[in-house]
Structure formats: C-alpha cells, structure tokens
Amino acid sequence: GNSGAGEWVSCESPPLEIASEMLSRLSLNCHTICDDELVELGVGLYPLAALANHSCLPTASQTFGPHADLTLRALVPLAPGDEVTIAYIDLSPCCTERRAALREAYLFDCRCA
C-alpha cells in the first residue's frame, strides 16, 4: 500500500556482488568535472557522454559550463556514423604511462598509438 508521512518503508539491499558491480560501472562511467584551468570540481554522470570510448587521438573533447553542463566538441570533421571518442586521461605522458593509467583507472588495455 501507500506509505504515509513519517512511515518507514523496508527495502532489502541488493546482494553485495550486485551492489559492487553497479558501483563499479557507475564510477567507470562518471566524468570528472573541471573548470577552464582543469581544476577538478567534482564528478558527474552524463549518460550520453558515457557512450564515448577512449582514444589517444580523440575526435572530440569535453568541456563543462558554469552549471556543470557537459559539451562534447568535435576536434576533427565528423560525418554521420563516425565514432565520437574522447581522451579519458591526460595525453601528455608517454604511451607506456598512458596505458598503465588507463589499465589502473578504467580496467582496459589501450591499443592506441
């Protein structure tokens, strides 16, 4: 039935394995919100932007507006159907360091240049 004000509703917690998997997926798909000087301000979940894969030669970059709104901006001309990719990490370190950082933070082996 309906619960009234001040009335508690009992909910079972999901099994630890499922809760852990859900939190892992959430953390892997969140974006670090940065200001124009790349100072980290927080974390946000942007479902459409989470569909963008990583590339060390990204086709787009992400920027954040004053209200933490995320914009993906094309870095190269994109035709309909082209994959939109972003850099998940700072691209200035060497390839070996980038691969290690991606493996540690995002749990995949980068095959980019």
PDB file of N, CA and C in Angstrom:
ATOM      1  N   GLY A   1       0.813  -1.178   0.000  1.00  0.00           N
ATOM      2  CA  GLY A   1       0.000   0.000   0.000  1.00  0.00           C
ATOM      3  C   GLY A   1       0.860   1.247   0.000  1.00  0.00           C
ATOM      4  N   ASN A   2       0.211   2.340   0.162  1.00  0.00           N
ATOM      5  CA  ASN A   2       0.890   3.636   0.219  1.00  0.00           C
ATOM      6  C   ASN A   2       1.457   3.856   1.602  1.00  0.00           C
ATOM      7  N   SER A   3       2.588   4.500   1.669  1.00  0.00           N
ATOM      8  CA  SER A   3       3.156   4.822   2.968  1.00  0.00           C
ATOM      9  C   SER A   3       2.900   6.297   3.240  1.00  0.00           C
ATOM     10  N   GLY A   4       2.495   6.581   4.438  1.00  0.00           N
ATOM     11  CA  GLY A   4       2.199   7.958   4.820  1.00  0.00           C
ATOM     12  C   GLY A   4       3.450   8.662   5.299  1.00  0.00           C
ATOM     13  N   ALA A   5       3.324   9.955   5.528  1.00  0.00           N
ATOM     14  CA  ALA A   5       4.441  10.745   6.029  1.00  0.00           C
ATOM     15  C   ALA A   5       4.908  10.177   7.358  1.00  0.00           C
ATOM     16  N   GLY A   6       6.195  10.058   7.510  1.00  0.00           N
ATOM     17  CA  GLY A   6       6.755   9.555   8.758  1.00  0.00           C
ATOM     18  C   GLY A   6       6.758   8.047   8.865  1.00  0.00           C
ATOM     19  N   GLU A   7       6.228   7.362   7.896  1.00  0.00           N
ATOM     20  CA  GLU A   7       6.175   5.906   7.914  1.00  0.00           C
ATOM     21  C   GLU A   7       7.393   5.358   7.166  1.00  0.00           C
ATOM     22  N   TRP A   8       8.047   4.345   7.704  1.00  0.00           N
ATOM     23  CA  TRP A   8       9.234   3.763   7.095  1.00  0.00           C
ATOM     24  C   TRP A   8       8.857   2.654   6.143  1.00  0.00           C
ATOM     25  N   VAL A   9       9.560   2.582   5.032  1.00  0.00           N
ATOM     26  CA  VAL A   9       9.366   1.511   4.065  1.00  0.00           C
ATOM     27  C   VAL A   9      10.606   0.641   4.116  1.00  0.00           C
ATOM     28  N   SER A  10      10.398  -0.652   4.247  1.00  0.00           N
ATOM     29  CA  SER A  10      11.512  -1.583   4.321  1.00  0.00           C
ATOM     30  C   SER A  10      11.931  -2.000   2.916  1.00  0.00           C
ATOM     31  N   CYS A  11      13.223  -1.868   2.643  1.00  0.00           N
ATOM     32  CA  CYS A  11      13.778  -2.293   1.358  1.00  0.00           C
ATOM     33  C   CYS A  11      14.955  -3.201   1.635  1.00  0.00           C
ATOM     34  N   GLU A  12      15.021  -4.282   0.884  1.00  0.00           N
ATOM     35  CA  GLU A  12      16.172  -5.163   1.012  1.00  0.00           C
ATOM     36  C   GLU A  12      17.327  -4.613   0.194  1.00  0.00           C
ATOM     37  N   SER A  13      18.511  -4.701   0.735  1.00  0.00           N
ATOM     38  CA  SER A  13      19.704  -4.302  -0.008  1.00  0.00           C
ATOM     39  C   SER A  13      20.011  -5.363  -1.046  1.00  0.00           C
ATOM     40  N   PRO A  14      20.556  -4.948  -2.192  1.00  0.00           N
ATOM     41  CA  PRO A  14      20.933  -5.956  -3.181  1.00  0.00           C
ATOM     42  C   PRO A  14      22.114  -6.763  -2.652  1.00  0.00           C
ATOM     43  N   PRO A  15      22.302  -7.960  -3.166  1.00  0.00           N
ATOM     44  CA  PRO A  15      23.477  -8.745  -2.762  1.00  0.00           C
ATOM     45  C   PRO A  15      24.751  -7.942  -2.996  1.00  0.00           C
ATOM     46  N   LEU A  16      25.730  -8.147  -2.161  1.00  0.00           N
ATOM     47  CA  LEU A  16      26.993  -7.399  -2.222  1.00  0.00           C
ATOM     48  C   LEU A  16      27.621  -7.452  -3.612  1.00  0.00           C
ATOM     49  N   GLU A  17      27.587  -8.608  -4.243  1.00  0.00           N
ATOM     50  CA  GLU A  17      28.178  -8.763  -5.575  1.00  0.00           C
ATOM     51  C   GLU A  17      27.509  -7.836  -6.593  1.00  0.00           C
ATOM     52  N   ILE A  18      26.196  -7.744  -6.559  1.00  0.00           N
ATOM     53  CA  ILE A  18      25.457  -6.885  -7.489  1.00  0.00           C
ATOM     54  C   ILE A  18      25.703  -5.417  -7.161  1.00  0.00           C
ATOM     55  N   ALA A  19      25.671  -5.062  -5.883  1.00  0.00           N
ATOM     56  CA  ALA A  19      25.928  -3.676  -5.477  1.00  0.00           C
ATOM     57  C   ALA A  19      27.329  -3.245  -5.897  1.00  0.00           C
ATOM     58  N   SER A  20      28.307  -4.118  -5.720  1.00  0.00           N
ATOM     59  CA  SER A  20      29.686  -3.815  -6.097  1.00  0.00           C
ATOM     60  C   SER A  20      29.802  -3.603  -7.603  1.00  0.00           C
ATOM     61  N   GLU A  21      29.154  -4.457  -8.381  1.00  0.00           N
ATOM     62  CA  GLU A  21      29.196  -4.316  -9.841  1.00  0.00           C
ATOM     63  C   GLU A  21      28.528  -3.010 -10.278  1.00  0.00           C
ATOM     64  N   MET A  22      27.411  -2.665  -9.680  1.00  0.00           N
ATOM     65  CA  MET A  22      26.710  -1.433 -10.031  1.00  0.00           C
ATOM     66  C   MET A  22      27.563  -0.207  -9.714  1.00  0.00           C
ATOM     67  N   LEU A  23      28.190  -0.184  -8.540  1.00  0.00           N
ATOM     68  CA  LEU A  23      29.044   0.947  -8.167  1.00  0.00           C
ATOM     69  C   LEU A  23      30.272   1.045  -9.063  1.00  0.00           C
ATOM     70  N   SER A  24      30.825  -0.102  -9.456  1.00  0.00           N
ATOM     71  CA  SER A  24      31.977  -0.101 -10.359  1.00  0.00           C
ATOM     72  C   SER A  24      31.600   0.477 -11.712  1.00  0.00           C
ATOM     73  N   ARG A  25      30.458   0.062 -12.238  1.00  0.00           N
ATOM     74  CA  ARG A  25      30.011   0.588 -13.533  1.00  0.00           C
ATOM     75  C   ARG A  25      29.745   2.087 -13.438  1.00  0.00           C
ATOM     76  N   LEU A  26      29.173   2.509 -12.330  1.00  0.00           N
ATOM     77  CA  LEU A  26      28.901   3.925 -12.134  1.00  0.00           C
ATOM     78  C   LEU A  26      30.199   4.723 -12.122  1.00  0.00           C
ATOM     79  N   SER A  27      31.191   4.259 -11.368  1.00  0.00           N
ATOM     80  CA  SER A  27      32.444   5.005 -11.263  1.00  0.00           C
ATOM     81  C   SER A  27      33.198   5.023 -12.591  1.00  0.00           C
ATOM     82  N   LEU A  28      33.087   3.964 -13.388  1.00  0.00           N
ATOM     83  CA  LEU A  28      33.774   3.923 -14.679  1.00  0.00           C
ATOM     84  C   LEU A  28      33.107   4.809 -15.720  1.00  0.00           C
ATOM     85  N   ASN A  29      31.852   5.181 -15.507  1.00  0.00           N
ATOM     86  CA  ASN A  29      31.123   5.974 -16.483  1.00  0.00           C
ATOM     87  C   ASN A  29      30.904   7.419 -16.056  1.00  0.00           C
ATOM     88  N   CYS A  30      31.434   7.802 -14.917  1.00  0.00           N
ATOM     89  CA  CYS A  30      31.331   9.192 -14.472  1.00  0.00           C
ATOM     90  C   CYS A  30      32.427  10.037 -15.123  1.00  0.00           C
ATOM     91  N   HIS A  31      32.190  11.314 -15.199  1.00  0.00           N
ATOM     92  CA  HIS A  31      33.151  12.251 -15.758  1.00  0.00           C
ATOM     93  C   HIS A  31      33.598  13.213 -14.668  1.00  0.00           C
ATOM     94  N   THR A  32      34.897  13.474 -14.618  1.00  0.00           N
ATOM     95  CA  THR A  32      35.420  14.457 -13.684  1.00  0.00           C
ATOM     96  C   THR A  32      35.107  15.838 -14.232  1.00  0.00           C
ATOM     97  N   ILE A  33      34.407  16.632 -13.446  1.00  0.00           N
ATOM     98  CA  ILE A  33      34.036  17.985 -13.847  1.00  0.00           C
ATOM     99  C   ILE A  33      35.202  18.908 -13.519  1.00  0.00           C
ATOM    100  N   CYS A  34      35.673  19.628 -14.539  1.00  0.00           N
ATOM    101  CA  CYS A  34      36.808  20.539 -14.380  1.00  0.00           C
ATOM    102  C   CYS A  34      36.431  21.940 -14.834  1.00  0.00           C
ATOM    103  N   ASP A  35      37.136  22.916 -14.282  1.00  0.00           N
ATOM    104  CA  ASP A  35      36.941  24.287 -14.770  1.00  0.00           C
ATOM    105  C   ASP A  35      37.848  24.522 -15.978  1.00  0.00           C
ATOM    106  N   ASP A  36      37.888  25.747 -16.469  1.00  0.00           N
ATOM    107  CA  ASP A  36      38.678  26.070 -17.663  1.00  0.00           C
ATOM    108  C   ASP A  36      40.176  25.860 -17.472  1.00  0.00           C
ATOM    109  N   GLU A  37      40.629  25.828 -16.219  1.00  0.00           N
ATOM    110  CA  GLU A  37      42.046  25.620 -15.933  1.00  0.00           C
ATOM    111  C   GLU A  37      42.330  24.179 -15.518  1.00  0.00           C
ATOM    112  N   LEU A  38      41.367  23.292 -15.765  1.00  0.00           N
ATOM    113  CA  LEU A  38      41.452  21.860 -15.478  1.00  0.00           C
ATOM    114  C   LEU A  38      41.552  21.536 -13.990  1.00  0.00           C
ATOM    115  N   VAL A  39      41.052  22.439 -13.152  1.00  0.00           N
ATOM    116  CA  VAL A  39      40.959  22.154 -11.721  1.00  0.00           C
ATOM    117  C   VAL A  39      39.716  21.285 -11.521  1.00  0.00           C
ATOM    118  N   GLU A  40      39.895  20.150 -10.846  1.00  0.00           N
ATOM    119  CA  GLU A  40      38.787  19.227 -10.633  1.00  0.00           C
ATOM    120  C   GLU A  40      37.795  19.815  -9.632  1.00  0.00           C
ATOM    121  N   LEU A  41      36.521  19.846 -10.032  1.00  0.00           N
ATOM    122  CA  LEU A  41      35.472  20.417  -9.193  1.00  0.00           C
ATOM    123  C   LEU A  41      34.537  19.370  -8.614  1.00  0.00           C
ATOM    124  N   GLY A  42      34.463  18.226  -9.239  1.00  0.00           N
ATOM    125  CA  GLY A  42      33.548  17.185  -8.781  1.00  0.00           C
ATOM    126  C   GLY A  42      33.411  16.113  -9.842  1.00  0.00           C
ATOM    127  N   VAL A  43      32.375  15.306  -9.689  1.00  0.00           N
ATOM    128  CA  VAL A  43      32.121  14.192 -10.586  1.00  0.00           C
ATOM    129  C   VAL A  43      30.663  14.232 -10.994  1.00  0.00           C
ATOM    130  N   GLY A  44      30.391  13.910 -12.251  1.00  0.00           N
ATOM    131  CA  GLY A  44      29.020  13.883 -12.733  1.00  0.00           C
ATOM    132  C   GLY A  44      28.779  12.684 -13.623  1.00  0.00           C
ATOM    133  N   LEU A  45      27.537  12.273 -13.713  1.00  0.00           N
ATOM    134  CA  LEU A  45      27.144  11.172 -14.587  1.00  0.00           C
ATOM    135  C   LEU A  45      26.372  11.759 -15.758  1.00  0.00           C
ATOM    136  N   TYR A  46      26.902  11.578 -16.943  1.00  0.00           N
ATOM    137  CA  TYR A  46      26.318  12.085 -18.177  1.00  0.00           C
ATOM    138  C   TYR A  46      26.097  10.883 -19.093  1.00  0.00           C
ATOM    139  N   PRO A  47      24.911  10.292 -19.089  1.00  0.00           N
ATOM    140  CA  PRO A  47      24.682   9.024 -19.800  1.00  0.00           C
ATOM    141  C   PRO A  47      25.065   9.036 -21.277  1.00  0.00           C
ATOM    142  N   LEU A  48      24.758  10.096 -22.014  1.00  0.00           N
ATOM    143  CA  LEU A  48      25.121  10.109 -23.438  1.00  0.00           C
ATOM    144  C   LEU A  48      26.624  10.222 -23.622  1.00  0.00           C
ATOM    145  N   ALA A  49      27.280  11.059 -22.849  1.00  0.00           N
ATOM    146  CA  ALA A  49      28.731  11.208 -22.951  1.00  0.00           C
ATOM    147  C   ALA A  49      29.440   9.923 -22.516  1.00  0.00           C
ATOM    148  N   ALA A  50      28.816   9.150 -21.639  1.00  0.00           N
ATOM    149  CA  ALA A  50      29.418   7.894 -21.185  1.00  0.00           C
ATOM    150  C   ALA A  50      29.516   6.876 -22.318  1.00  0.00           C
ATOM    151  N   LEU A  51      28.815   7.118 -23.411  1.00  0.00           N
ATOM    152  CA  LEU A  51      28.889   6.214 -24.565  1.00  0.00           C
ATOM    153  C   LEU A  51      30.160   6.436 -25.386  1.00  0.00           C
ATOM    154  N   ALA A  52      30.850   7.547 -25.164  1.00  0.00           N
ATOM    155  CA  ALA A  52      32.073   7.836 -25.922  1.00  0.00           C
ATOM    156  C   ALA A  52      33.217   6.970 -25.414  1.00  0.00           C
ATOM    157  N   ASN A  53      33.875   6.295 -26.325  1.00  0.00           N
ATOM    158  CA  ASN A  53      35.028   5.475 -25.981  1.00  0.00           C
ATOM    159  C   ASN A  53      36.280   6.333 -25.895  1.00  0.00           C
ATOM    160  N   HIS A  54      37.325   5.754 -25.308  1.00  0.00           N
ATOM    161  CA  HIS A  54      38.616   6.433 -25.206  1.00  0.00           C
ATOM    162  C   HIS A  54      39.397   6.316 -26.509  1.00  0.00           C
ATOM    163  N   SER A  55      40.169   7.336 -26.804  1.00  0.00           N
ATOM    164  CA  SER A  55      41.186   7.275 -27.846  1.00  0.00           C
ATOM    165  C   SER A  55      42.317   8.220 -27.457  1.00  0.00           C
ATOM    166  N   CYS A  56      43.535   7.800 -27.750  1.00  0.00           N
ATOM    167  CA  CYS A  56      44.679   8.684 -27.547  1.00  0.00           C
ATOM    168  C   CYS A  56      44.746   9.718 -28.678  1.00  0.00           C
ATOM    169  N   LEU A  57      43.928   9.539 -29.706  1.00  0.00           N
ATOM    170  CA  LEU A  57      43.745  10.511 -30.789  1.00  0.00           C
ATOM    171  C   LEU A  57      42.248  10.799 -30.862  1.00  0.00           C
ATOM    172  N   PRO A  58      41.711  11.493 -29.864  1.00  0.00           N
ATOM    173  CA  PRO A  58      40.256  11.663 -29.764  1.00  0.00           C
ATOM    174  C   PRO A  58      39.671  12.513 -30.896  1.00  0.00           C
ATOM    175  N   THR A  59      38.409  12.240 -31.207  1.00  0.00           N
ATOM    176  CA  THR A  59      37.695  13.030 -32.208  1.00  0.00           C
ATOM    177  C   THR A  59      36.928  14.171 -31.564  1.00  0.00           C
ATOM    178  N   ALA A  60      36.850  14.175 -30.231  1.00  0.00           N
ATOM    179  CA  ALA A  60      36.121  15.226 -29.515  1.00  0.00           C
ATOM    180  C   ALA A  60      36.785  15.490 -28.171  1.00  0.00           C
ATOM    181  N   SER A  61      36.469  16.648 -27.610  1.00  0.00           N
ATOM    182  CA  SER A  61      36.907  16.970 -26.254  1.00  0.00           C
ATOM    183  C   SER A  61      35.681  17.359 -25.448  1.00  0.00           C
ATOM    184  N   GLN A  62      35.785  17.266 -24.154  1.00  0.00           N
ATOM    185  CA  GLN A  62      34.667  17.639 -23.297  1.00  0.00           C
ATOM    186  C   GLN A  62      34.992  18.920 -22.551  1.00  0.00           C
ATOM    187  N   THR A  63      33.993  19.763 -22.447  1.00  0.00           N
ATOM    188  CA  THR A  63      34.114  20.980 -21.648  1.00  0.00           C
ATOM    189  C   THR A  63      32.880  21.087 -20.771  1.00  0.00           C
ATOM    190  N   PHE A  64      33.006  21.846 -19.700  1.00  0.00           N
ATOM    191  CA  PHE A  64      31.908  21.995 -18.747  1.00  0.00           C
ATOM    192  C   PHE A  64      31.524  23.456 -18.630  1.00  0.00           C
ATOM    193  N   GLY A  65      30.228  23.701 -18.613  1.00  0.00           N
ATOM    194  CA  GLY A  65      29.708  25.049 -18.447  1.00  0.00           C
ATOM    195  C   GLY A  65      29.617  25.420 -16.981  1.00  0.00           C
ATOM    196  N   PRO A  66      29.125  26.610 -16.698  1.00  0.00           N
ATOM    197  CA  PRO A  66      29.066  27.103 -15.320  1.00  0.00           C
ATOM    198  C   PRO A  66      28.124  26.307 -14.406  1.00  0.00           C
ATOM    199  N   HIS A  67      27.217  25.540 -14.980  1.00  0.00           N
ATOM    200  CA  HIS A  67      26.290  24.747 -14.180  1.00  0.00           C
ATOM    201  C   HIS A  67      26.578  23.256 -14.329  1.00  0.00           C
ATOM    202  N   ALA A  68      27.832  22.930 -14.623  1.00  0.00           N
ATOM    203  CA  ALA A  68      28.311  21.560 -14.782  1.00  0.00           C
ATOM    204  C   ALA A  68      27.673  20.855 -15.974  1.00  0.00           C
ATOM    205  N   ASP A  69      27.181  21.641 -16.954  1.00  0.00           N
ATOM    206  CA  ASP A  69      26.660  21.020 -18.167  1.00  0.00           C
ATOM    207  C   ASP A  69      27.844  20.636 -19.049  1.00  0.00           C
ATOM    208  N   LEU A  70      27.805  19.422 -19.576  1.00  0.00           N
ATOM    209  CA  LEU A  70      28.906  18.884 -20.366  1.00  0.00           C
ATOM    210  C   LEU A  70      28.620  19.092 -21.852  1.00  0.00           C
ATOM    211  N   THR A  71      29.645  19.546 -22.578  1.00  0.00           N
ATOM    212  CA  THR A  71      29.554  19.700 -24.030  1.00  0.00           C
ATOM    213  C   THR A  71      30.697  18.923 -24.661  1.00  0.00           C
ATOM    214  N   LEU A  72      30.376  18.108 -25.656  1.00  0.00           N
ATOM    215  CA  LEU A  72      31.398  17.441 -26.449  1.00  0.00           C
ATOM    216  C   LEU A  72      31.604  18.277 -27.704  1.00  0.00           C
ATOM    217  N   ARG A  73      32.850  18.651 -27.970  1.00  0.00           N
ATOM    218  CA  ARG A  73      33.177  19.469 -29.143  1.00  0.00           C
ATOM    219  C   ARG A  73      34.072  18.667 -30.085  1.00  0.00           C
ATOM    220  N   ALA A  74      33.673  18.619 -31.341  1.00  0.00           N
ATOM    221  CA  ALA A  74      34.451  17.884 -32.342  1.00  0.00           C
ATOM    222  C   ALA A  74      35.815  18.526 -32.527  1.00  0.00           C
ATOM    223  N   LEU A  75      36.842  17.711 -32.582  1.00  0.00           N
ATOM    224  CA  LEU A  75      38.205  18.169 -32.826  1.00  0.00           C
ATOM    225  C   LEU A  75      38.593  17.982 -34.289  1.00  0.00           C
ATOM    226  N   VAL A  76      37.829  17.164 -34.987  1.00  0.00           N
ATOM    227  CA  VAL A  76      38.036  16.878 -36.407  1.00  0.00           C
ATOM    228  C   VAL A  76      36.662  16.858 -37.068  1.00  0.00           C
ATOM    229  N   PRO A  77      36.611  17.030 -38.375  1.00  0.00           N
ATOM    230  CA  PRO A  77      35.305  16.912 -39.037  1.00  0.00           C
ATOM    231  C   PRO A  77      34.749  15.502 -38.848  1.00  0.00           C
ATOM    232  N   LEU A  78      33.495  15.411 -38.451  1.00  0.00           N
ATOM    233  CA  LEU A  78      32.841  14.126 -38.228  1.00  0.00           C
ATOM    234  C   LEU A  78      31.650  13.989 -39.173  1.00  0.00           C
ATOM    235  N   ALA A  79      31.563  12.852 -39.822  1.00  0.00           N
ATOM    236  CA  ALA A  79      30.423  12.555 -40.687  1.00  0.00           C
ATOM    237  C   ALA A  79      29.421  11.723 -39.890  1.00  0.00           C
ATOM    238  N   PRO A  80      28.168  11.711 -40.301  1.00  0.00           N
ATOM    239  CA  PRO A  80      27.195  10.856 -39.615  1.00  0.00           C
ATOM    240  C   PRO A  80      27.708   9.412 -39.566  1.00  0.00           C
ATOM    241  N   GLY A  81      27.630   8.822 -38.405  1.00  0.00           N
ATOM    242  CA  GLY A  81      28.097   7.451 -38.214  1.00  0.00           C
ATOM    243  C   GLY A  81      29.525   7.339 -37.724  1.00  0.00           C
ATOM    244  N   ASP A  82      30.318   8.420 -37.776  1.00  0.00           N
ATOM    245  CA  ASP A  82      31.685   8.388 -37.243  1.00  0.00           C
ATOM    246  C   ASP A  82      31.639   8.233 -35.729  1.00  0.00           C
ATOM    247  N   GLU A  83      32.598   7.508 -35.188  1.00  0.00           N
ATOM    248  CA  GLU A  83      32.659   7.331 -33.739  1.00  0.00           C
ATOM    249  C   GLU A  83      33.160   8.605 -33.062  1.00  0.00           C
ATOM    250  N   VAL A  84      32.477   8.975 -31.995  1.00  0.00           N
ATOM    251  CA  VAL A  84      32.918  10.095 -31.166  1.00  0.00           C
ATOM    252  C   VAL A  84      33.751   9.500 -30.039  1.00  0.00           C
ATOM    253  N   THR A  85      35.012   9.899 -29.970  1.00  0.00           N
ATOM    254  CA  THR A  85      35.904   9.408 -28.920  1.00  0.00           C
ATOM    255  C   THR A  85      36.450  10.594 -28.136  1.00  0.00           C
ATOM    256  N   ILE A  86      36.789  10.329 -26.890  1.00  0.00           N
ATOM    257  CA  ILE A  86      37.384  11.339 -26.024  1.00  0.00           C
ATOM    258  C   ILE A  86      38.601  10.734 -25.339  1.00  0.00           C
ATOM    259  N   ALA A  87      39.443  11.575 -24.792  1.00  0.00           N
ATOM    260  CA  ALA A  87      40.584  11.099 -24.001  1.00  0.00           C
ATOM    261  C   ALA A  87      40.112  10.956 -22.559  1.00  0.00           C
ATOM    262  N   TYR A  88      40.225   9.764 -22.015  1.00  0.00           N
ATOM    263  CA  TYR A  88      39.822   9.532 -20.628  1.00  0.00           C
ATOM    264  C   TYR A  88      40.839  10.095 -19.646  1.00  0.00           C
ATOM    265  N   ILE A  89      42.066  10.297 -20.109  1.00  0.00           N
ATOM    266  CA  ILE A  89      43.163  10.733 -19.237  1.00  0.00           C
ATOM    267  C   ILE A  89      43.947  11.847 -19.931  1.00  0.00           C
ATOM    268  N   ASP A  90      44.869  12.438 -19.203  1.00  0.00           N
ATOM    269  CA  ASP A  90      45.797  13.421 -19.765  1.00  0.00           C
ATOM    270  C   ASP A  90      46.661  12.709 -20.808  1.00  0.00           C
ATOM    271  N   LEU A  91      46.777  13.293 -21.988  1.00  0.00           N
ATOM    272  CA  LEU A  91      47.515  12.647 -23.074  1.00  0.00           C
ATOM    273  C   LEU A  91      48.983  13.032 -23.139  1.00  0.00           C
ATOM    274  N   SER A  92      49.459  13.897 -22.241  1.00  0.00           N
ATOM    275  CA  SER A  92      50.844  14.347 -22.320  1.00  0.00           C
ATOM    276  C   SER A  92      51.882  13.288 -21.922  1.00  0.00           C
ATOM    277  N   PRO A  93      51.592  12.349 -21.014  1.00  0.00           N
ATOM    278  CA  PRO A  93      52.598  11.314 -20.713  1.00  0.00           C
ATOM    279  C   PRO A  93      52.848  10.401 -21.917  1.00  0.00           C
ATOM    280  N   CYS A  94      53.947   9.665 -21.859  1.00  0.00           N
ATOM    281  CA  CYS A  94      54.278   8.741 -22.946  1.00  0.00           C
ATOM    282  C   CYS A  94      53.239   7.614 -23.013  1.00  0.00           C
ATOM    283  N   CYS A  95      53.265   6.899 -24.116  1.00  0.00           N
ATOM    284  CA  CYS A  95      52.300   5.832 -24.383  1.00  0.00           C
ATOM    285  C   CYS A  95      52.277   4.789 -23.255  1.00  0.00           C
ATOM    286  N   THR A  96      53.437   4.386 -22.779  1.00  0.00           N
ATOM    287  CA  THR A  96      53.520   3.369 -21.725  1.00  0.00           C
ATOM    288  C   THR A  96      52.831   3.855 -20.449  1.00  0.00           C
ATOM    289  N   GLU A  97      53.056   5.107 -20.086  1.00  0.00           N
ATOM    290  CA  GLU A  97      52.421   5.669 -18.884  1.00  0.00           C
ATOM    291  C   GLU A  97      50.916   5.799 -19.069  1.00  0.00           C
ATOM    292  N   ARG A  98      50.477   6.200 -20.271  1.00  0.00           N
ATOM    293  CA  ARG A  98      49.038   6.303 -20.541  1.00  0.00           C
ATOM    294  C   ARG A  98      48.375   4.938 -20.431  1.00  0.00           C
ATOM    295  N   ARG A  99      49.013   3.930 -21.009  1.00  0.00           N
ATOM    296  CA  ARG A  99      48.446   2.570 -20.947  1.00  0.00           C
ATOM    297  C   ARG A  99      48.323   2.101 -19.505  1.00  0.00           C
ATOM    298  N   ALA A 100      49.326   2.358 -18.703  1.00  0.00           N
ATOM    299  CA  ALA A 100      49.285   1.959 -17.293  1.00  0.00           C
ATOM    300  C   ALA A 100      48.166   2.703 -16.555  1.00  0.00           C
ATOM    301  N   ALA A 101      48.025   3.990 -16.819  1.00  0.00           N
ATOM    302  CA  ALA A 101      46.988   4.789 -16.163  1.00  0.00           C
ATOM    303  C   ALA A 101      45.594   4.310 -16.565  1.00  0.00           C
ATOM    304  N   LEU A 102      45.398   4.000 -17.840  1.00  0.00           N
ATOM    305  CA  LEU A 102      44.095   3.515 -18.302  1.00  0.00           C
ATOM    306  C   LEU A 102      43.784   2.136 -17.726  1.00  0.00           C
ATOM    307  N   ARG A 103      44.796   1.300 -17.641  1.00  0.00           N
ATOM    308  CA  ARG A 103      44.592  -0.043 -17.065  1.00  0.00           C
ATOM    309  C   ARG A 103      44.180   0.073 -15.598  1.00  0.00           C
ATOM    310  N   GLU A 104      44.851   0.954 -14.867  1.00  0.00           N
ATOM    311  CA  GLU A 104      44.564   1.110 -13.446  1.00  0.00           C
ATOM    312  C   GLU A 104      43.202   1.760 -13.198  1.00  0.00           C
ATOM    313  N   ALA A 105      42.909   2.811 -13.926  1.00  0.00           N
ATOM    314  CA  ALA A 105      41.680   3.571 -13.658  1.00  0.00           C
ATOM    315  C   ALA A 105      40.444   3.026 -14.361  1.00  0.00           C
ATOM    316  N   TYR A 106      40.626   2.466 -15.575  1.00  0.00           N
ATOM    317  CA  TYR A 106      39.460   2.072 -16.374  1.00  0.00           C
ATOM    318  C   TYR A 106      39.414   0.596 -16.724  1.00  0.00           C
ATOM    319  N   LEU A 107      40.420  -0.153 -16.277  1.00  0.00           N
ATOM    320  CA  LEU A 107      40.431  -1.613 -16.390  1.00  0.00           C
ATOM    321  C   LEU A 107      40.402  -2.132 -17.817  1.00  0.00           C
ATOM    322  N   PHE A 108      41.082  -1.438 -18.742  1.00  0.00           N
ATOM    323  CA  PHE A 108      41.219  -1.969 -20.091  1.00  0.00           C
ATOM    324  C   PHE A 108      42.621  -1.675 -20.611  1.00  0.00           C
ATOM    325  N   ASP A 109      43.046  -2.452 -21.603  1.00  0.00           N
ATOM    326  CA  ASP A 109      44.341  -2.263 -22.224  1.00  0.00           C
ATOM    327  C   ASP A 109      44.187  -1.407 -23.468  1.00  0.00           C
ATOM    328  N   CYS A 110      44.797  -0.246 -23.455  1.00  0.00           N
ATOM    329  CA  CYS A 110      44.721   0.694 -24.573  1.00  0.00           C
ATOM    330  C   CYS A 110      45.564   0.179 -25.730  1.00  0.00           C
ATOM    331  N   ARG A 111      44.995   0.228 -26.922  1.00  0.00           N
ATOM    332  CA  ARG A 111      45.711  -0.183 -28.124  1.00  0.00           C
ATOM    333  C   ARG A 111      45.951   1.003 -29.058  1.00  0.00           C
ATOM    334  N   CYS A 112      45.812   2.212 -28.509  1.00  0.00           N
ATOM    335  CA  CYS A 112      46.013   3.425 -29.308  1.00  0.00           C
ATOM    336  C   CYS A 112      47.487   3.646 -29.596  1.00  0.00           C
ATOM    337  N   ALA A 113      47.748   4.604 -30.459  1.00  0.00           N
ATOM    338  CA  ALA A 113      49.134   4.952 -30.813  1.00  0.00           C
ATOM    339  C   ALA A 113      49.840   5.599 -29.638  1.00  0.00           C
TER     340      ALA A 113
END
